[in-house]
All heavy atoms as atom14 arrays in JSON, in Angstrom:
{
  "sequence": "QPGGSLRLSCATSGIIFSLYAVGWYRQGPGKQRELVATITSGG",
  "atom14_mask": [
    [1, 1, 1, 1, 1, 1, 1, 1, 1, 0, 0, 0, 0, 0],
    [1, 1, 1, 1, 1, 1, 1, 0, 0, 0, 0, 0, 0, 0],
    [1, 1, 1, 1, 0, 0, 0, 0, 0, 0, 0, 0, 0, 0],
    [1, 1, 1, 1, 0, 0, 0, 0, 0, 0, 0, 0, 0, 0],
    [1, 1, 1, 1, 1, 1, 0, 0, 0, 0, 0, 0, 0, 0],
    [1, 1, 1, 1, 1, 1, 1, 1, 0, 0, 0, 0, 0, 0],
    [1, 1, 1, 1, 1, 1, 1, 1, 1, 1, 1, 0, 0, 0],
    [1, 1, 1, 1, 1, 1, 1, 1, 0, 0, 0, 0, 0, 0],
    [1, 1, 1, 1, 1, 1, 0, 0, 0, 0, 0, 0, 0, 0],
    [1, 1, 1, 1, 1, 1, 0, 0, 0, 0, 0, 0, 0, 0],
    [1, 1, 1, 1, 1, 0, 0, 0, 0, 0, 0, 0, 0, 0],
    [1, 1, 1, 1, 1, 1, 1, 0, 0, 0, 0, 0, 0, 0],
    [1, 1, 1, 1, 1, 1, 0, 0, 0, 0, 0, 0, 0, 0],
    [1, 1, 1, 1, 0, 0, 0, 0, 0, 0, 0, 0, 0, 0],
    [1, 1, 1, 1, 1, 1, 1, 1, 0, 0, 0, 0, 0, 0],
    [1, 1, 1, 1, 1, 1, 1, 1, 0, 0, 0, 0, 0, 0],
    [1, 1, 1, 1, 1, 1, 1, 1, 1, 1, 1, 0, 0, 0],
    [1, 1, 1, 1, 1, 1, 0, 0, 0, 0, 0, 0, 0, 0],
    [1, 1, 1, 1, 1, 1, 1, 1, 0, 0, 0, 0, 0, 0],
    [1, 1, 1, 1, 1, 1, 1, 1, 1, 1, 1, 1, 0, 0],
    [1, 1, 1, 1, 1, 0, 0, 0, 0, 0, 0, 0, 0, 0],
    [1, 1, 1, 1, 1, 1, 1, 0, 0, 0, 0, 0, 0, 0],
    [1, 1, 1, 1, 0, 0, 0, 0, 0, 0, 0, 0, 0, 0],
    [1, 1, 1, 1, 1, 1, 1, 1, 1, 1, 1, 1, 1, 1],
    [1, 1, 1, 1, 1, 1, 1, 1, 1, 1, 1, 1, 0, 0],
    [1, 1, 1, 1, 1, 1, 1, 1, 1, 1, 1, 0, 0, 0],
    [1, 1, 1, 1, 1, 1, 1, 1, 1, 0, 0, 0, 0, 0],
    [1, 1, 1, 1, 0, 0, 0, 0, 0, 0, 0, 0, 0, 0],
    [1, 1, 1, 1, 1, 1, 1, 0, 0, 0, 0, 0, 0, 0],
    [1, 1, 1, 1, 0, 0, 0, 0, 0, 0, 0, 0, 0, 0],
    [1, 1, 1, 1, 1, 1, 1, 1, 1, 0, 0, 0, 0, 0],
    [1, 1, 1, 1, 1, 1, 1, 1, 1, 0, 0, 0, 0, 0],
    [1, 1, 1, 1, 1, 1, 1, 1, 1, 1, 1, 0, 0, 0],
    [1, 1, 1, 1, 1, 1, 1, 1, 1, 0, 0, 0, 0, 0],
    [1, 1, 1, 1, 1, 1, 1, 1, 0, 0, 0, 0, 0, 0],
    [1, 1, 1, 1, 1, 1, 1, 0, 0, 0, 0, 0, 0, 0],
    [1, 1, 1, 1, 1, 0, 0, 0, 0, 0, 0, 0, 0, 0],
    [1, 1, 1, 1, 1, 1, 1, 0, 0, 0, 0, 0, 0, 0],
    [1, 1, 1, 1, 1, 1, 1, 1, 0, 0, 0, 0, 0, 0],
    [1, 1, 1, 1, 1, 1, 1, 0, 0, 0, 0, 0, 0, 0],
    [1, 1, 1, 1, 1, 1, 0, 0, 0, 0, 0, 0, 0, 0],
    [1, 1, 1, 1, 0, 0, 0, 0, 0, 0, 0, 0, 0, 0],
    [1, 1, 1, 1, 0, 0, 0, 0, 0, 0, 0, 0, 0, 0]
  ],
  "atom14_positions": [
    [[0.83, -1.19, -0.01], [0.01, 0.0, 0.03], [0.83, 1.3, 0.01], [2.04, 1.21, 0.46], [-0.91, -0.02, 1.23], [-1.98, -1.09, 1.13], [-2.94, -0.92, 2.33], [-2.68, -0.3, 3.32], [-4.12, -1.55, 2.21], [0.0, 0.0, 0.0], [0.0, 0.0, 0.0], [0.0, 0.0, 0.0], [0.0, 0.0, 0.0], [0.0, 0.0, 0.0]],
    [[0.34, 2.35, -0.53], [1.11, 3.65, -0.45], [1.48, 3.92, 0.98], [0.68, 3.72, 1.93], [0.05, 4.64, -0.95], [-0.82, 3.85, -1.86], [-0.92, 2.49, -1.22], [0.0, 0.0, 0.0], [0.0, 0.0, 0.0], [0.0, 0.0, 0.0], [0.0, 0.0, 0.0], [0.0, 0.0, 0.0], [0.0, 0.0, 0.0], [0.0, 0.0, 0.0]],
    [[2.75, 4.38, 1.14], [3.25, 4.67, 2.46], [3.95, 3.44, 3.11], [4.62, 3.55, 4.13], [0.0, 0.0, 0.0], [0.0, 0.0, 0.0], [0.0, 0.0, 0.0], [0.0, 0.0, 0.0], [0.0, 0.0, 0.0], [0.0, 0.0, 0.0], [0.0, 0.0, 0.0], [0.0, 0.0, 0.0], [0.0, 0.0, 0.0], [0.0, 0.0, 0.0]],
    [[3.86, 2.32, 2.47], [4.48, 1.11, 2.97], [5.89, 0.97, 2.58], [6.5, 1.84, 1.96], [0.0, 0.0, 0.0], [0.0, 0.0, 0.0], [0.0, 0.0, 0.0], [0.0, 0.0, 0.0], [0.0, 0.0, 0.0], [0.0, 0.0, 0.0], [0.0, 0.0, 0.0], [0.0, 0.0, 0.0], [0.0, 0.0, 0.0], [0.0, 0.0, 0.0]],
    [[6.46, -0.21, 3.01], [7.94, -0.44, 2.77], [8.12, -1.84, 2.2], [7.28, -2.75, 2.4], [8.66, -0.42, 4.12], [8.62, 0.95, 4.69], [0.0, 0.0, 0.0], [0.0, 0.0, 0.0], [0.0, 0.0, 0.0], [0.0, 0.0, 0.0], [0.0, 0.0, 0.0], [0.0, 0.0, 0.0], [0.0, 0.0, 0.0], [0.0, 0.0, 0.0]],
    [[9.17, -1.98, 1.43], [9.64, -3.22, 1.0], [11.23, -3.22, 1.0], [11.83, -2.18, 0.81], [9.16, -3.49, -0.48], [7.75, -3.94, -0.76], [7.5, -4.02, -2.25], [7.41, -5.26, -0.1], [0.0, 0.0, 0.0], [0.0, 0.0, 0.0], [0.0, 0.0, 0.0], [0.0, 0.0, 0.0], [0.0, 0.0, 0.0], [0.0, 0.0, 0.0]],
    [[11.78, -4.47, 1.07], [13.21, -4.6, 0.96], [13.47, -5.54, -0.18], [13.06, -6.78, -0.02], [13.89, -5.0, 2.26], [15.44, -4.95, 2.11], [16.15, -5.22, 3.36], [16.34, -6.66, 3.57], [17.35, -7.22, 4.26], [18.28, -6.42, 4.74], [17.46, -8.48, 4.4], [0.0, 0.0, 0.0], [0.0, 0.0, 0.0], [0.0, 0.0, 0.0]],
    [[14.15, -5.07, -1.18], [14.55, -5.96, -2.27], [15.95, -6.52, -2.01], [16.79, -5.84, -1.44], [14.5, -5.18, -3.6], [13.21, -4.44, -4.01], [13.38, -3.83, -5.34], [12.03, -5.4, -3.93], [0.0, 0.0, 0.0], [0.0, 0.0, 0.0], [0.0, 0.0, 0.0], [0.0, 0.0, 0.0], [0.0, 0.0, 0.0], [0.0, 0.0, 0.0]],
    [[16.15, -7.73, -2.46], [17.49, -8.36, -2.33], [17.89, -8.81, -3.73], [17.05, -9.2, -4.57], [17.41, -9.58, -1.39], [17.01, -9.22, -0.11], [0.0, 0.0, 0.0], [0.0, 0.0, 0.0], [0.0, 0.0, 0.0], [0.0, 0.0, 0.0], [0.0, 0.0, 0.0], [0.0, 0.0, 0.0], [0.0, 0.0, 0.0], [0.0, 0.0, 0.0]],
    [[19.19, -8.83, -3.95], [19.76, -9.34, -5.19], [20.98, -10.14, -4.86], [22.01, -9.64, -4.48], [20.1, -8.23, -6.11], [20.99, -8.7, -7.64], [0.0, 0.0, 0.0], [0.0, 0.0, 0.0], [0.0, 0.0, 0.0], [0.0, 0.0, 0.0], [0.0, 0.0, 0.0], [0.0, 0.0, 0.0], [0.0, 0.0, 0.0], [0.0, 0.0, 0.0]],
    [[20.79, -11.45, -4.94], [21.94, -12.34, -4.63], [22.71, -12.62, -5.92], [22.13, -13.0, -6.91], [21.33, -13.65, -4.1], [0.0, 0.0, 0.0], [0.0, 0.0, 0.0], [0.0, 0.0, 0.0], [0.0, 0.0, 0.0], [0.0, 0.0, 0.0], [0.0, 0.0, 0.0], [0.0, 0.0, 0.0], [0.0, 0.0, 0.0], [0.0, 0.0, 0.0]],
    [[24.01, -12.51, -5.83], [24.84, -12.78, -6.97], [25.74, -13.98, -6.78], [25.96, -14.45, -5.65], [25.75, -11.61, -7.26], [26.74, -11.48, -6.25], [24.95, -10.25, -7.3], [0.0, 0.0, 0.0], [0.0, 0.0, 0.0], [0.0, 0.0, 0.0], [0.0, 0.0, 0.0], [0.0, 0.0, 0.0], [0.0, 0.0, 0.0], [0.0, 0.0, 0.0]],
    [[26.19, -14.57, -7.93], [27.06, -15.68, -7.86], [27.96, -15.61, -9.12], [27.62, -14.97, -10.11], [26.35, -17.0, -7.79], [25.48, -17.19, -8.89], [0.0, 0.0, 0.0], [0.0, 0.0, 0.0], [0.0, 0.0, 0.0], [0.0, 0.0, 0.0], [0.0, 0.0, 0.0], [0.0, 0.0, 0.0], [0.0, 0.0, 0.0], [0.0, 0.0, 0.0]],
    [[29.06, -16.28, -9.11], [29.98, -16.31, -10.24], [30.9, -15.18, -10.34], [31.63, -15.06, -11.39], [0.0, 0.0, 0.0], [0.0, 0.0, 0.0], [0.0, 0.0, 0.0], [0.0, 0.0, 0.0], [0.0, 0.0, 0.0], [0.0, 0.0, 0.0], [0.0, 0.0, 0.0], [0.0, 0.0, 0.0], [0.0, 0.0, 0.0], [0.0, 0.0, 0.0]],
    [[30.96, -14.28, -9.36], [31.87, -13.12, -9.38], [32.48, -12.91, -8.02], [31.96, -13.41, -7.02], [31.18, -11.83, -9.85], [30.01, -11.47, -8.84], [30.61, -11.88, -11.23], [29.44, -10.1, -9.0], [0.0, 0.0, 0.0], [0.0, 0.0, 0.0], [0.0, 0.0, 0.0], [0.0, 0.0, 0.0], [0.0, 0.0, 0.0], [0.0, 0.0, 0.0]],
    [[33.54, -12.09, -8.02], [34.08, -11.64, -6.72], [33.36, -10.35, -6.41], [33.74, -9.27, -6.82], [35.6, -11.41, -6.77], [36.28, -12.72, -7.23], [36.14, -10.98, -5.42], [37.78, -12.56, -7.43], [0.0, 0.0, 0.0], [0.0, 0.0, 0.0], [0.0, 0.0, 0.0], [0.0, 0.0, 0.0], [0.0, 0.0, 0.0], [0.0, 0.0, 0.0]],
    [[32.25, -10.53, -5.78], [31.23, -9.43, -5.6], [31.84, -8.2, -5.04], [31.47, -7.07, -5.5], [30.13, -9.98, -4.65], [29.06, -9.04, -4.35], [28.0, -8.68, -5.28], [28.95, -8.36, -3.12], [27.05, -7.84, -5.01], [27.99, -7.47, -2.78], [26.98, -7.18, -3.72], [0.0, 0.0, 0.0], [0.0, 0.0, 0.0], [0.0, 0.0, 0.0]],
    [[32.77, -8.32, -4.12], [33.28, -7.09, -3.37], [34.01, -6.19, -4.31], [34.24, -5.04, -3.96], [34.11, -7.54, -2.24], [35.24, -8.3, -2.71], [0.0, 0.0, 0.0], [0.0, 0.0, 0.0], [0.0, 0.0, 0.0], [0.0, 0.0, 0.0], [0.0, 0.0, 0.0], [0.0, 0.0, 0.0], [0.0, 0.0, 0.0], [0.0, 0.0, 0.0]],
    [[34.43, -6.62, -5.45], [35.25, -5.81, -6.35], [34.45, -4.85, -7.22], [34.97, -3.93, -7.79], [36.04, -6.73, -7.32], [37.06, -7.61, -6.72], [37.76, -8.44, -7.78], [38.08, -6.84, -5.92], [0.0, 0.0, 0.0], [0.0, 0.0, 0.0], [0.0, 0.0, 0.0], [0.0, 0.0, 0.0], [0.0, 0.0, 0.0], [0.0, 0.0, 0.0]],
    [[33.12, -5.0, -7.24], [32.33, -4.33, -8.28], [31.32, -3.41, -7.69], [30.71, -3.68, -6.61], [31.62, -5.36, -9.17], [32.61, -6.22, -9.95], [32.86, -7.5, -9.49], [33.31, -5.7, -11.0], [33.77, -8.26, -10.14], [34.23, -6.47, -11.71], [34.44, -7.8, -11.24], [35.37, -8.61, -11.92], [0.0, 0.0, 0.0], [0.0, 0.0, 0.0]],
    [[31.02, -2.26, -8.41], [29.87, -1.49, -8.11], [28.6, -2.27, -8.56], [28.6, -2.97, -9.54], [29.91, -0.16, -8.9], [0.0, 0.0, 0.0], [0.0, 0.0, 0.0], [0.0, 0.0, 0.0], [0.0, 0.0, 0.0], [0.0, 0.0, 0.0], [0.0, 0.0, 0.0], [0.0, 0.0, 0.0], [0.0, 0.0, 0.0], [0.0, 0.0, 0.0]],
    [[27.54, -2.1, -7.79], [26.26, -2.69, -8.11], [25.18, -1.76, -7.9], [25.42, -0.66, -7.33], [26.05, -3.96, -7.17], [26.96, -5.09, -7.6], [26.16, -3.59, -5.75], [0.0, 0.0, 0.0], [0.0, 0.0, 0.0], [0.0, 0.0, 0.0], [0.0, 0.0, 0.0], [0.0, 0.0, 0.0], [0.0, 0.0, 0.0], [0.0, 0.0, 0.0]],
    [[23.98, -2.03, -8.32], [22.94, -1.07, -8.16], [21.61, -1.58, -8.63], [21.45, -2.77, -8.94], [0.0, 0.0, 0.0], [0.0, 0.0, 0.0], [0.0, 0.0, 0.0], [0.0, 0.0, 0.0], [0.0, 0.0, 0.0], [0.0, 0.0, 0.0], [0.0, 0.0, 0.0], [0.0, 0.0, 0.0], [0.0, 0.0, 0.0], [0.0, 0.0, 0.0]],
    [[20.69, -0.65, -8.71], [19.3, -0.95, -9.07], [18.81, 0.08, -10.09], [19.09, 1.3, -10.01], [18.38, -0.92, -7.87], [18.62, -1.92, -6.85], [19.49, -1.85, -5.77], [18.0, -3.19, -6.72], [19.48, -2.96, -5.02], [18.57, -3.86, -5.54], [17.08, -3.91, -7.51], [18.19, -5.08, -5.19], [16.71, -5.15, -7.03], [17.23, -5.78, -5.94]],
    [[18.08, -0.43, -11.1], [17.28, 0.39, -12.03], [15.92, -0.13, -11.87], [15.55, -1.12, -11.26], [17.75, 0.14, -13.42], [18.88, 0.98, -13.94], [20.16, 0.86, -13.42], [18.69, 1.95, -14.91], [21.21, 1.63, -13.87], [19.73, 2.72, -15.36], [21.05, 2.55, -14.85], [22.05, 3.32, -15.31], [0.0, 0.0, 0.0], [0.0, 0.0, 0.0]],
    [[14.97, 0.64, -12.46], [13.58, 0.24, -12.52], [12.96, 0.72, -13.83], [13.39, 1.59, -14.48], [12.8, 0.81, -11.31], [12.55, 2.32, -11.42], [11.84, 2.79, -10.14], [11.44, 4.22, -10.27], [10.88, 4.85, -9.26], [10.66, 4.35, -8.1], [10.59, 6.19, -9.44], [0.0, 0.0, 0.0], [0.0, 0.0, 0.0], [0.0, 0.0, 0.0]],
    [[11.93, 0.0, -14.2], [11.09, 0.37, -15.4], [9.65, 0.24, -15.04], [9.15, -0.87, -14.8], [11.48, -0.63, -16.53], [10.84, -0.14, -17.84], [11.47, -0.83, -19.07], [12.21, -1.8, -18.95], [11.27, -0.26, -20.23], [0.0, 0.0, 0.0], [0.0, 0.0, 0.0], [0.0, 0.0, 0.0], [0.0, 0.0, 0.0], [0.0, 0.0, 0.0]],
    [[9.01, 1.39, -15.05], [7.6, 1.44, -14.77], [6.77, 1.21, -16.08], [7.35, 1.26, -17.17], [0.0, 0.0, 0.0], [0.0, 0.0, 0.0], [0.0, 0.0, 0.0], [0.0, 0.0, 0.0], [0.0, 0.0, 0.0], [0.0, 0.0, 0.0], [0.0, 0.0, 0.0], [0.0, 0.0, 0.0], [0.0, 0.0, 0.0], [0.0, 0.0, 0.0]],
    [[5.49, 0.98, -15.96], [4.66, 0.77, -17.1], [4.71, 1.9, -18.11], [4.46, 3.03, -17.73], [3.26, 0.59, -16.48], [3.46, 0.42, -15.04], [4.77, 0.99, -14.65], [0.0, 0.0, 0.0], [0.0, 0.0, 0.0], [0.0, 0.0, 0.0], [0.0, 0.0, 0.0], [0.0, 0.0, 0.0], [0.0, 0.0, 0.0], [0.0, 0.0, 0.0]],
    [[5.11, 1.58, -19.3], [5.15, 2.64, -20.32], [6.27, 3.62, -20.24], [6.32, 4.64, -20.89], [0.0, 0.0, 0.0], [0.0, 0.0, 0.0], [0.0, 0.0, 0.0], [0.0, 0.0, 0.0], [0.0, 0.0, 0.0], [0.0, 0.0, 0.0], [0.0, 0.0, 0.0], [0.0, 0.0, 0.0], [0.0, 0.0, 0.0], [0.0, 0.0, 0.0]],
    [[7.22, 3.29, -19.38], [8.35, 4.23, -19.13], [9.7, 3.59, -19.46], [9.79, 2.35, -19.58], [8.41, 4.6, -17.64], [7.13, 5.31, -17.16], [7.28, 5.65, -15.68], [6.05, 6.36, -15.13], [6.22, 6.75, -13.67], [0.0, 0.0, 0.0], [0.0, 0.0, 0.0], [0.0, 0.0, 0.0], [0.0, 0.0, 0.0], [0.0, 0.0, 0.0]],
    [[10.71, 4.42, -19.64], [12.03, 3.94, -19.92], [12.65, 3.46, -18.58], [12.26, 3.86, -17.52], [12.87, 5.02, -20.55], [12.48, 5.38, -21.91], [13.46, 6.33, -22.61], [14.07, 7.13, -21.94], [13.61, 6.2, -23.84], [0.0, 0.0, 0.0], [0.0, 0.0, 0.0], [0.0, 0.0, 0.0], [0.0, 0.0, 0.0], [0.0, 0.0, 0.0]],
    [[13.62, 2.56, -18.67], [14.36, 2.17, -17.51], [15.11, 3.34, -16.91], [15.74, 4.12, -17.63], [15.31, 1.02, -17.87], [15.93, 0.32, -16.69], [16.74, -0.9, -17.11], [15.92, -2.02, -17.65], [16.32, -3.18, -17.86], [17.59, -3.56, -17.55], [15.53, -4.13, -18.37], [0.0, 0.0, 0.0], [0.0, 0.0, 0.0], [0.0, 0.0, 0.0]],
    [[15.08, 3.46, -15.58], [15.72, 4.62, -14.96], [16.58, 4.15, -13.77], [16.2, 3.12, -13.1], [14.7, 5.65, -14.45], [13.73, 5.13, -13.4], [12.83, 6.25, -12.86], [13.16, 7.49, -13.04], [11.79, 5.91, -12.27], [0.0, 0.0, 0.0], [0.0, 0.0, 0.0], [0.0, 0.0, 0.0], [0.0, 0.0, 0.0], [0.0, 0.0, 0.0]],
    [[17.6, 4.88, -13.49], [18.46, 4.58, -12.41], [17.71, 4.8, -11.08], [17.06, 5.79, -10.89], [19.74, 5.45, -12.46], [20.65, 5.35, -11.27], [21.3, 3.95, -11.26], [21.7, 6.45, -11.23], [0.0, 0.0, 0.0], [0.0, 0.0, 0.0], [0.0, 0.0, 0.0], [0.0, 0.0, 0.0], [0.0, 0.0, 0.0], [0.0, 0.0, 0.0]],
    [[17.92, 3.86, -10.12], [17.38, 4.07, -8.78], [18.55, 4.42, -7.83], [18.48, 5.44, -7.18], [16.69, 2.77, -8.32], [16.24, 2.88, -6.86], [15.48, 2.44, -9.19], [0.0, 0.0, 0.0], [0.0, 0.0, 0.0], [0.0, 0.0, 0.0], [0.0, 0.0, 0.0], [0.0, 0.0, 0.0], [0.0, 0.0, 0.0], [0.0, 0.0, 0.0]],
    [[19.56, 3.54, -7.74], [20.61, 3.75, -6.81], [21.83, 2.88, -7.14], [21.64, 1.83, -7.81], [20.16, 3.37, -5.34], [0.0, 0.0, 0.0], [0.0, 0.0, 0.0], [0.0, 0.0, 0.0], [0.0, 0.0, 0.0], [0.0, 0.0, 0.0], [0.0, 0.0, 0.0], [0.0, 0.0, 0.0], [0.0, 0.0, 0.0], [0.0, 0.0, 0.0]],
    [[22.97, 3.36, -6.79], [24.22, 2.6, -6.97], [25.01, 2.58, -5.73], [24.92, 3.48, -4.88], [25.05, 3.14, -8.12], [25.43, 4.48, -7.77], [24.25, 3.19, -9.44], [0.0, 0.0, 0.0], [0.0, 0.0, 0.0], [0.0, 0.0, 0.0], [0.0, 0.0, 0.0], [0.0, 0.0, 0.0], [0.0, 0.0, 0.0], [0.0, 0.0, 0.0]],
    [[25.87, 1.6, -5.56], [26.82, 1.56, -4.53], [28.12, 0.93, -5.0], [28.12, -0.04, -5.73], [26.22, 0.71, -3.31], [27.22, 0.74, -2.14], [25.94, -0.7, -3.71], [26.58, 0.23, -0.82], [0.0, 0.0, 0.0], [0.0, 0.0, 0.0], [0.0, 0.0, 0.0], [0.0, 0.0, 0.0], [0.0, 0.0, 0.0], [0.0, 0.0, 0.0]],
    [[29.2, 1.73, -4.74], [30.5, 1.29, -5.23], [31.05, 0.13, -4.37], [30.53, -0.17, -3.33], [31.44, 2.49, -5.25], [31.75, 2.85, -3.9], [30.88, 3.65, -5.99], [0.0, 0.0, 0.0], [0.0, 0.0, 0.0], [0.0, 0.0, 0.0], [0.0, 0.0, 0.0], [0.0, 0.0, 0.0], [0.0, 0.0, 0.0], [0.0, 0.0, 0.0]],
    [[32.16, -0.34, -4.82], [32.86, -1.43, -4.07], [33.29, -0.92, -2.72], [33.36, -1.64, -1.73], [34.07, -1.97, -4.83], [34.96, -0.9, -5.18], [0.0, 0.0, 0.0], [0.0, 0.0, 0.0], [0.0, 0.0, 0.0], [0.0, 0.0, 0.0], [0.0, 0.0, 0.0], [0.0, 0.0, 0.0], [0.0, 0.0, 0.0], [0.0, 0.0, 0.0]],
    [[33.58, 0.37, -2.63], [33.95, 1.02, -1.39], [32.78, 1.47, -0.52], [33.03, 1.97, 0.53], [0.0, 0.0, 0.0], [0.0, 0.0, 0.0], [0.0, 0.0, 0.0], [0.0, 0.0, 0.0], [0.0, 0.0, 0.0], [0.0, 0.0, 0.0], [0.0, 0.0, 0.0], [0.0, 0.0, 0.0], [0.0, 0.0, 0.0], [0.0, 0.0, 0.0]],
    [[31.57, 1.31, -1.0], [30.4, 1.62, -0.21], [29.85, 2.96, -0.43], [28.86, 3.42, 0.26], [0.0, 0.0, 0.0], [0.0, 0.0, 0.0], [0.0, 0.0, 0.0], [0.0, 0.0, 0.0], [0.0, 0.0, 0.0], [0.0, 0.0, 0.0], [0.0, 0.0, 0.0], [0.0, 0.0, 0.0], [0.0, 0.0, 0.0], [0.0, 0.0, 0.0]]
  ]
}
């Protein structure tokens, strides 16, 4: 519901995860994919 919360998780495998920047994009209905957030290897 509006005002609520969710926590998304993304589990990775096959890489040395700590070495890479990772992040999230999203694509809404009828919209282009847009950046949500990124986090570098250093945090």
